[in-house]
N, C-alpha and C. Protein backbone atom coordinates (compact mmCIF):
# COMPACT_ATOMS: atom_id res chain seq x y z
N MET A 1 102.73 34.59 27.60
CA MET A 1 101.97 35.75 27.18
C MET A 1 102.84 36.59 26.24
N ILE A 2 102.21 37.12 25.20
CA ILE A 2 102.89 38.01 24.26
C ILE A 2 102.16 39.34 24.28
N LYS A 3 102.92 40.42 24.37
CA LYS A 3 102.35 41.77 24.43
C LYS A 3 103.13 42.67 23.48
N LYS A 4 102.43 43.51 22.75
CA LYS A 4 103.07 44.48 21.86
C LYS A 4 102.78 45.89 22.38
N ILE A 5 103.82 46.71 22.43
CA ILE A 5 103.65 48.10 22.84
C ILE A 5 104.47 48.99 21.92
N ARG A 6 104.07 50.25 21.87
CA ARG A 6 104.80 51.24 21.06
C ARG A 6 105.34 52.31 21.98
N ILE A 7 106.56 52.76 21.67
CA ILE A 7 107.13 53.91 22.37
C ILE A 7 107.60 54.90 21.31
N PRO A 8 107.76 56.16 21.66
CA PRO A 8 108.22 57.15 20.68
C PRO A 8 109.55 56.72 20.04
N GLU A 9 109.65 56.97 18.76
CA GLU A 9 110.82 56.56 17.98
C GLU A 9 112.13 57.08 18.58
N GLU A 10 112.12 58.31 19.09
CA GLU A 10 113.36 58.88 19.63
C GLU A 10 113.79 58.22 20.95
N ARG A 11 112.92 57.45 21.57
CA ARG A 11 113.26 56.77 22.83
C ARG A 11 113.75 55.33 22.62
N ILE A 12 113.65 54.81 21.39
CA ILE A 12 114.08 53.44 21.11
C ILE A 12 115.57 53.23 21.40
N PRO A 13 116.45 54.17 20.99
CA PRO A 13 117.87 53.96 21.34
C PRO A 13 118.11 53.89 22.85
N VAL A 14 117.33 54.62 23.63
CA VAL A 14 117.47 54.57 25.09
C VAL A 14 117.04 53.20 25.60
N LEU A 15 115.96 52.66 25.03
CA LEU A 15 115.49 51.33 25.41
C LEU A 15 116.53 50.27 25.10
N ILE A 16 117.16 50.37 23.95
CA ILE A 16 118.16 49.38 23.56
C ILE A 16 119.43 49.54 24.38
N GLY A 17 119.89 50.78 24.53
CA GLY A 17 121.10 51.05 25.29
C GLY A 17 122.35 50.76 24.49
N LYS A 18 123.47 51.19 25.02
CA LYS A 18 124.76 51.00 24.35
C LYS A 18 125.06 49.50 24.24
N GLY A 19 125.22 49.03 23.02
CA GLY A 19 125.51 47.61 22.80
C GLY A 19 124.39 46.69 23.24
N GLY A 20 123.15 47.22 23.39
CA GLY A 20 122.02 46.41 23.80
C GLY A 20 121.94 46.14 25.29
N ARG A 21 122.77 46.86 26.07
CA ARG A 21 122.84 46.59 27.52
C ARG A 21 121.53 46.82 28.25
N THR A 22 120.83 47.91 27.95
CA THR A 22 119.59 48.21 28.66
C THR A 22 118.53 47.15 28.38
N LYS A 23 118.35 46.83 27.10
CA LYS A 23 117.37 45.79 26.72
C LYS A 23 117.72 44.46 27.40
N TYR A 24 118.98 44.09 27.38
CA TYR A 24 119.42 42.83 27.99
C TYR A 24 119.15 42.84 29.49
N ARG A 25 119.43 43.98 30.14
CA ARG A 25 119.21 44.08 31.59
C ARG A 25 117.73 43.93 31.94
N ILE A 26 116.85 44.57 31.16
CA ILE A 26 115.41 44.45 31.41
C ILE A 26 114.97 43.00 31.21
N GLN A 27 115.48 42.36 30.17
CA GLN A 27 115.15 40.95 29.92
C GLN A 27 115.57 40.08 31.10
N ARG A 28 116.78 40.34 31.61
CA ARG A 28 117.31 39.54 32.73
C ARG A 28 116.51 39.79 34.01
N LEU A 29 116.19 41.06 34.28
CA LEU A 29 115.43 41.41 35.49
C LEU A 29 114.03 40.79 35.47
N THR A 30 113.38 40.83 34.32
CA THR A 30 111.97 40.44 34.24
C THR A 30 111.75 39.04 33.67
N HIS A 31 112.82 38.37 33.29
CA HIS A 31 112.71 37.02 32.72
C HIS A 31 111.80 36.99 31.49
N THR A 32 111.98 37.99 30.62
CA THR A 32 111.18 38.08 29.40
C THR A 32 112.10 38.13 28.19
N LYS A 33 111.51 37.97 27.01
CA LYS A 33 112.22 38.15 25.75
C LYS A 33 111.65 39.41 25.13
N ILE A 34 112.54 40.34 24.76
CA ILE A 34 112.11 41.62 24.21
C ILE A 34 112.65 41.75 22.79
N ASP A 35 111.75 42.05 21.85
CA ASP A 35 112.13 42.28 20.45
C ASP A 35 111.74 43.71 20.11
N VAL A 36 112.75 44.56 19.87
CA VAL A 36 112.50 45.98 19.61
C VAL A 36 112.45 46.22 18.11
N GLY A 37 111.37 46.83 17.67
CA GLY A 37 111.18 47.21 16.28
C GLY A 37 110.24 48.38 16.24
N GLU A 38 109.44 48.47 15.17
CA GLU A 38 108.43 49.52 15.11
C GLU A 38 107.48 49.38 16.30
N GLU A 39 107.16 48.13 16.62
CA GLU A 39 106.45 47.78 17.85
C GLU A 39 107.39 46.92 18.68
N THR A 40 107.37 47.12 19.99
CA THR A 40 108.20 46.30 20.88
C THR A 40 107.36 45.12 21.34
N THR A 41 107.89 43.92 21.14
CA THR A 41 107.19 42.70 21.51
C THR A 41 107.80 42.11 22.76
N LEU A 42 106.96 41.81 23.75
CA LEU A 42 107.39 41.22 25.01
C LEU A 42 106.83 39.81 25.09
N GLU A 43 107.65 38.87 25.54
CA GLU A 43 107.20 37.50 25.65
C GLU A 43 107.69 36.91 26.96
N GLY A 44 106.79 36.25 27.70
CA GLY A 44 107.14 35.62 28.97
C GLY A 44 105.90 35.36 29.79
N GLU A 45 106.11 35.10 31.08
CA GLU A 45 105.00 34.91 32.01
C GLU A 45 104.25 36.23 32.17
N ALA A 46 102.94 36.17 32.43
CA ALA A 46 102.08 37.36 32.47
C ALA A 46 102.60 38.45 33.42
N VAL A 47 102.95 38.09 34.64
CA VAL A 47 103.41 39.07 35.62
C VAL A 47 104.73 39.70 35.16
N ASP A 48 105.63 38.88 34.62
CA ASP A 48 106.92 39.38 34.13
C ASP A 48 106.73 40.33 32.95
N VAL A 49 105.81 39.97 32.04
CA VAL A 49 105.53 40.82 30.88
C VAL A 49 104.96 42.16 31.34
N MET A 50 104.07 42.15 32.33
CA MET A 50 103.50 43.40 32.85
C MET A 50 104.58 44.29 33.46
N THR A 51 105.51 43.68 34.19
CA THR A 51 106.60 44.45 34.79
C THR A 51 107.48 45.05 33.70
N ALA A 52 107.86 44.24 32.71
CA ALA A 52 108.68 44.72 31.60
C ALA A 52 107.96 45.82 30.83
N GLU A 53 106.65 45.65 30.64
CA GLU A 53 105.85 46.65 29.93
C GLU A 53 105.90 48.00 30.66
N ASN A 54 105.74 47.98 31.98
CA ASN A 54 105.80 49.23 32.75
C ASN A 54 107.17 49.88 32.65
N ILE A 55 108.23 49.09 32.72
CA ILE A 55 109.59 49.64 32.62
C ILE A 55 109.79 50.27 31.24
N ILE A 56 109.35 49.58 30.19
CA ILE A 56 109.51 50.10 28.82
C ILE A 56 108.64 51.34 28.61
N LYS A 57 107.41 51.34 29.14
CA LYS A 57 106.55 52.53 29.04
C LYS A 57 107.23 53.72 29.71
N ALA A 58 107.85 53.49 30.87
CA ALA A 58 108.52 54.58 31.59
C ALA A 58 109.67 55.14 30.75
N ILE A 59 110.45 54.26 30.13
CA ILE A 59 111.53 54.73 29.25
C ILE A 59 110.93 55.53 28.11
N GLY A 60 109.83 55.06 27.55
CA GLY A 60 109.15 55.76 26.47
C GLY A 60 108.59 57.11 26.89
N ARG A 61 108.31 57.29 28.17
CA ARG A 61 107.77 58.54 28.68
C ARG A 61 108.87 59.47 29.19
N GLY A 62 110.13 59.15 28.91
CA GLY A 62 111.22 60.08 29.19
C GLY A 62 112.08 59.77 30.39
N PHE A 63 111.80 58.71 31.13
CA PHE A 63 112.62 58.35 32.28
C PHE A 63 113.91 57.66 31.82
N SER A 64 114.94 57.78 32.61
CA SER A 64 116.18 57.06 32.34
C SER A 64 115.93 55.58 32.62
N PRO A 65 116.74 54.69 32.03
CA PRO A 65 116.59 53.26 32.34
C PRO A 65 116.72 52.97 33.84
N GLU A 66 117.61 53.68 34.52
CA GLU A 66 117.81 53.46 35.95
C GLU A 66 116.55 53.82 36.74
N ALA A 67 115.95 54.96 36.43
CA ALA A 67 114.72 55.37 37.11
C ALA A 67 113.58 54.41 36.77
N SER A 68 113.53 53.96 35.52
CA SER A 68 112.47 53.04 35.08
C SER A 68 112.56 51.71 35.80
N GLU A 69 113.77 51.27 36.11
CA GLU A 69 113.94 49.99 36.79
C GLU A 69 113.41 49.99 38.22
N LEU A 70 113.10 51.16 38.77
CA LEU A 70 112.45 51.22 40.08
C LEU A 70 111.11 50.49 40.04
N LEU A 71 110.52 50.37 38.86
CA LEU A 71 109.23 49.69 38.71
C LEU A 71 109.35 48.19 38.91
N TYR A 72 110.56 47.68 38.99
CA TYR A 72 110.76 46.26 39.26
C TYR A 72 110.36 45.92 40.69
N LYS A 73 110.44 46.92 41.58
CA LYS A 73 110.03 46.71 42.97
C LYS A 73 108.51 46.58 43.02
N GLU A 74 108.03 45.65 43.84
CA GLU A 74 106.60 45.39 43.92
C GLU A 74 105.79 46.57 44.43
N ASP A 75 106.38 47.42 45.27
CA ASP A 75 105.62 48.53 45.85
C ASP A 75 105.66 49.79 44.99
N SER A 76 106.23 49.71 43.78
CA SER A 76 106.34 50.88 42.90
C SER A 76 105.32 50.83 41.79
N THR A 77 104.92 52.01 41.33
CA THR A 77 103.95 52.11 40.25
C THR A 77 104.31 53.27 39.32
N LEU A 78 103.71 53.25 38.14
CA LEU A 78 103.88 54.30 37.14
C LEU A 78 102.50 54.90 36.89
N ASP A 79 102.41 56.22 36.94
CA ASP A 79 101.16 56.91 36.63
C ASP A 79 101.46 57.94 35.54
N ILE A 80 100.64 57.96 34.50
CA ILE A 80 100.84 58.86 33.38
C ILE A 80 99.63 59.78 33.27
N ILE A 81 99.88 61.09 33.27
CA ILE A 81 98.82 62.09 33.16
C ILE A 81 98.91 62.71 31.76
N GLN A 82 97.80 62.69 31.03
CA GLN A 82 97.75 63.32 29.71
C GLN A 82 97.58 64.83 29.89
N LEU A 83 98.34 65.59 29.11
CA LEU A 83 98.24 67.05 29.14
C LEU A 83 97.44 67.51 27.93
N PRO A 84 96.95 68.76 27.94
CA PRO A 84 96.14 69.26 26.82
C PRO A 84 96.92 69.23 25.50
N LYS A 85 96.17 69.12 24.41
CA LYS A 85 96.80 69.06 23.08
C LYS A 85 97.09 70.44 22.51
N GLU A 86 96.32 71.43 22.92
CA GLU A 86 96.50 72.79 22.39
C GLU A 86 97.87 73.32 22.81
N ARG A 87 98.68 73.72 21.83
CA ARG A 87 100.09 74.04 22.03
C ARG A 87 100.35 75.12 23.08
N LYS A 88 99.60 76.21 23.03
CA LYS A 88 99.82 77.32 23.97
C LYS A 88 99.54 76.86 25.41
N GLU A 89 98.42 76.17 25.59
CA GLU A 89 98.05 75.66 26.91
C GLU A 89 99.06 74.61 27.39
N LEU A 90 99.50 73.74 26.48
CA LEU A 90 100.48 72.70 26.80
C LEU A 90 101.78 73.32 27.30
N ASN A 91 102.28 74.32 26.59
CA ASN A 91 103.53 74.98 26.99
C ASN A 91 103.41 75.67 28.34
N ARG A 92 102.26 76.30 28.58
CA ARG A 92 102.03 76.99 29.87
C ARG A 92 102.05 75.97 31.02
N ILE A 93 101.35 74.86 30.84
CA ILE A 93 101.27 73.85 31.89
C ILE A 93 102.63 73.20 32.12
N LYS A 94 103.33 72.87 31.03
CA LYS A 94 104.65 72.25 31.18
C LYS A 94 105.60 73.18 31.95
N SER A 95 105.51 74.47 31.65
CA SER A 95 106.34 75.45 32.36
C SER A 95 106.01 75.47 33.85
N ARG A 96 104.74 75.40 34.19
CA ARG A 96 104.32 75.38 35.61
C ARG A 96 104.82 74.12 36.30
N LEU A 97 104.74 72.97 35.61
CA LEU A 97 105.12 71.70 36.22
C LEU A 97 106.63 71.58 36.41
N ILE A 98 107.38 72.11 35.46
CA ILE A 98 108.85 72.02 35.54
C ILE A 98 109.41 73.11 36.44
N GLY A 99 108.93 74.34 36.25
CA GLY A 99 109.41 75.45 37.05
C GLY A 99 110.74 75.98 36.53
N THR A 100 111.18 77.10 37.07
CA THR A 100 112.43 77.72 36.67
C THR A 100 113.59 76.81 37.02
N GLY A 101 114.35 76.42 36.02
CA GLY A 101 115.50 75.55 36.24
C GLY A 101 115.13 74.18 36.80
N GLY A 102 113.87 73.77 36.63
CA GLY A 102 113.43 72.46 37.12
C GLY A 102 113.08 72.44 38.60
N LYS A 103 112.97 73.63 39.20
CA LYS A 103 112.76 73.72 40.65
C LYS A 103 111.45 73.09 41.11
N CYS A 104 110.35 73.34 40.41
CA CYS A 104 109.05 72.80 40.84
C CYS A 104 109.06 71.27 40.79
N ARG A 105 109.52 70.73 39.68
CA ARG A 105 109.57 69.27 39.54
C ARG A 105 110.44 68.67 40.64
N ARG A 106 111.59 69.26 40.88
CA ARG A 106 112.51 68.79 41.90
C ARG A 106 111.89 68.86 43.30
N ASN A 107 111.18 69.95 43.60
CA ASN A 107 110.52 70.09 44.91
C ASN A 107 109.48 68.99 45.13
N ILE A 108 108.66 68.73 44.12
CA ILE A 108 107.63 67.69 44.25
C ILE A 108 108.30 66.32 44.40
N GLU A 109 109.36 66.07 43.62
CA GLU A 109 110.09 64.81 43.74
C GLU A 109 110.65 64.64 45.16
N ASN A 110 111.24 65.69 45.71
CA ASN A 110 111.83 65.62 47.05
C ASN A 110 110.77 65.45 48.14
N LEU A 111 109.63 66.13 48.00
CA LEU A 111 108.58 66.04 49.01
C LEU A 111 107.84 64.71 48.98
N THR A 112 107.84 64.04 47.82
CA THR A 112 107.10 62.78 47.69
C THR A 112 108.01 61.57 47.51
N LYS A 113 109.30 61.78 47.37
CA LYS A 113 110.26 60.68 47.11
C LYS A 113 109.82 59.87 45.88
N THR A 114 109.50 60.60 44.81
CA THR A 114 109.12 59.99 43.54
C THR A 114 110.04 60.54 42.45
N ARG A 115 109.88 60.02 41.25
CA ARG A 115 110.57 60.54 40.06
C ARG A 115 109.49 61.04 39.12
N ILE A 116 109.73 62.22 38.50
CA ILE A 116 108.76 62.84 37.61
C ILE A 116 109.42 63.13 36.27
N SER A 117 108.71 62.85 35.18
CA SER A 117 109.18 63.15 33.84
C SER A 117 108.09 63.88 33.07
N VAL A 118 108.44 65.04 32.52
CA VAL A 118 107.52 65.77 31.65
C VAL A 118 108.05 65.56 30.23
N PHE A 119 107.27 64.83 29.41
CA PHE A 119 107.74 64.44 28.09
C PHE A 119 106.56 64.47 27.12
N GLY A 120 106.74 65.18 26.00
CA GLY A 120 105.66 65.25 25.02
C GLY A 120 104.42 65.87 25.62
N ARG A 121 103.29 65.17 25.48
CA ARG A 121 102.03 65.65 26.04
C ARG A 121 101.64 64.90 27.29
N THR A 122 102.66 64.44 28.04
CA THR A 122 102.38 63.71 29.28
C THR A 122 103.30 64.16 30.40
N VAL A 123 102.85 63.91 31.62
CA VAL A 123 103.72 64.01 32.79
C VAL A 123 103.54 62.68 33.51
N SER A 124 104.67 62.04 33.86
CA SER A 124 104.64 60.70 34.45
C SER A 124 105.33 60.70 35.79
N VAL A 125 104.88 59.80 36.66
CA VAL A 125 105.43 59.70 38.02
C VAL A 125 105.73 58.24 38.33
N ILE A 126 106.92 57.98 38.91
CA ILE A 126 107.30 56.65 39.37
C ILE A 126 107.61 56.74 40.86
N GLY A 127 107.15 55.76 41.63
CA GLY A 127 107.47 55.70 43.05
C GLY A 127 106.53 54.76 43.77
N PRO A 128 106.63 54.74 45.11
CA PRO A 128 105.70 53.92 45.91
C PRO A 128 104.26 54.41 45.69
N TYR A 129 103.29 53.49 45.75
CA TYR A 129 101.89 53.79 45.44
C TYR A 129 101.37 55.05 46.12
N ASP A 130 101.46 55.12 47.46
CA ASP A 130 100.91 56.28 48.18
C ASP A 130 101.59 57.57 47.77
N ASN A 131 102.90 57.51 47.61
CA ASN A 131 103.65 58.71 47.23
C ASN A 131 103.26 59.19 45.84
N VAL A 132 103.07 58.24 44.91
CA VAL A 132 102.66 58.59 43.55
C VAL A 132 101.28 59.24 43.58
N ARG A 133 100.40 58.72 44.41
CA ARG A 133 99.05 59.27 44.54
C ARG A 133 99.12 60.76 44.95
N PHE A 134 99.97 61.08 45.93
CA PHE A 134 100.10 62.47 46.37
C PHE A 134 100.80 63.33 45.31
N ALA A 135 101.80 62.78 44.64
CA ALA A 135 102.50 63.54 43.59
C ALA A 135 101.54 63.85 42.44
N VAL A 136 100.73 62.88 42.05
CA VAL A 136 99.75 63.09 40.97
C VAL A 136 98.73 64.15 41.39
N GLU A 137 98.27 64.09 42.63
CA GLU A 137 97.34 65.10 43.14
C GLU A 137 97.98 66.49 43.06
N ALA A 138 99.24 66.60 43.47
CA ALA A 138 99.95 67.88 43.42
C ALA A 138 100.07 68.38 41.97
N LEU A 139 100.44 67.49 41.06
CA LEU A 139 100.58 67.88 39.66
C LEU A 139 99.23 68.31 39.08
N GLN A 140 98.18 67.60 39.41
CA GLN A 140 96.85 67.97 38.91
C GLN A 140 96.40 69.32 39.46
N ARG A 141 96.76 69.61 40.69
CA ARG A 141 96.44 70.92 41.27
C ARG A 141 97.17 72.03 40.53
N LEU A 142 98.45 71.77 40.16
CA LEU A 142 99.20 72.77 39.39
C LEU A 142 98.59 72.96 38.01
N ILE A 143 98.19 71.86 37.39
CA ILE A 143 97.56 71.93 36.06
C ILE A 143 96.27 72.74 36.14
N LYS A 144 95.52 72.53 37.22
CA LYS A 144 94.25 73.24 37.44
C LYS A 144 94.48 74.74 37.68
N GLY A 145 95.68 75.12 38.14
CA GLY A 145 95.98 76.53 38.35
C GLY A 145 96.31 76.92 39.77
N ASP A 146 96.34 75.97 40.70
CA ASP A 146 96.70 76.30 42.09
C ASP A 146 98.12 76.86 42.13
N THR A 147 98.41 77.68 43.14
CA THR A 147 99.75 78.25 43.27
C THR A 147 100.74 77.18 43.73
N HIS A 148 102.00 77.41 43.41
CA HIS A 148 103.04 76.47 43.80
C HIS A 148 103.12 76.36 45.32
N SER A 149 103.03 77.48 46.02
CA SER A 149 103.14 77.44 47.48
C SER A 149 101.99 76.64 48.10
N PHE A 150 100.79 76.75 47.54
CA PHE A 150 99.65 75.98 48.03
C PHE A 150 99.90 74.49 47.84
N VAL A 151 100.45 74.10 46.70
CA VAL A 151 100.72 72.69 46.39
C VAL A 151 101.82 72.15 47.31
N TYR A 152 102.87 72.93 47.53
CA TYR A 152 103.95 72.48 48.43
C TYR A 152 103.41 72.29 49.85
N ARG A 153 102.56 73.21 50.29
CA ARG A 153 101.98 73.12 51.62
C ARG A 153 101.12 71.86 51.74
N PHE A 154 100.34 71.56 50.70
CA PHE A 154 99.53 70.33 50.65
C PHE A 154 100.43 69.10 50.83
N LEU A 155 101.55 69.05 50.13
CA LEU A 155 102.46 67.91 50.24
C LEU A 155 103.11 67.83 51.62
N GLU A 156 103.51 68.97 52.16
CA GLU A 156 104.15 68.99 53.49
C GLU A 156 103.17 68.52 54.56
N GLU A 157 101.88 68.90 54.43
CA GLU A 157 100.88 68.48 55.42
C GLU A 157 100.58 66.99 55.34
N ASN A 158 100.86 66.36 54.21
CA ASN A 158 100.55 64.95 54.03
C ASN A 158 101.78 64.04 54.08
N GLN A 159 102.90 64.57 54.52
CA GLN A 159 104.14 63.79 54.58
C GLN A 159 104.00 62.51 55.39
N GLU A 160 103.27 62.55 56.51
CA GLU A 160 103.17 61.37 57.37
C GLU A 160 102.37 60.25 56.70
N LYS A 161 101.62 60.54 55.64
CA LYS A 161 100.83 59.52 54.93
C LYS A 161 101.61 58.84 53.82
N MET A 162 102.83 59.34 53.58
CA MET A 162 103.65 58.79 52.49
C MET A 162 104.66 57.79 53.02
N ASN A 163 105.13 56.90 52.12
CA ASN A 163 106.15 55.90 52.47
C ASN A 163 107.55 56.48 52.27
N PHE A 164 108.32 56.51 53.32
CA PHE A 164 109.70 56.98 53.21
C PHE A 164 110.57 55.91 53.73
């Protein structure tokens, strides 16, 4: 199977890594061939290409290569939420999701055992399926305007439903 994907230009050096180490590591982990250019081309078995695609998408959405490699685990998933395009609204929502000094993002990550990246006009979550589902619900509630304390309480009440 051959798949072509695009990631933001500023994230291409992160995908390649120092001396090509990150690209080589992803190729080795997923048993695929990766050609990075204007479009990134993936070649290999269908399941391997899908795994490599998710890892590369995560890097493109602002995650570190190490965090992105969590997607290699079968029980992990990536969820990407599109944020509004209007600049004023986008900045307000990003501020709510990140919080002062990154506190809100860190709290949601700790309560759900996930990784969160706010990049461009998206917010992305990596982690076990159930945990990502709760993290996405929490993020959507914040986007909708719910208070931070209400969202934290929602996550604390649902801790027993998450994978730890």
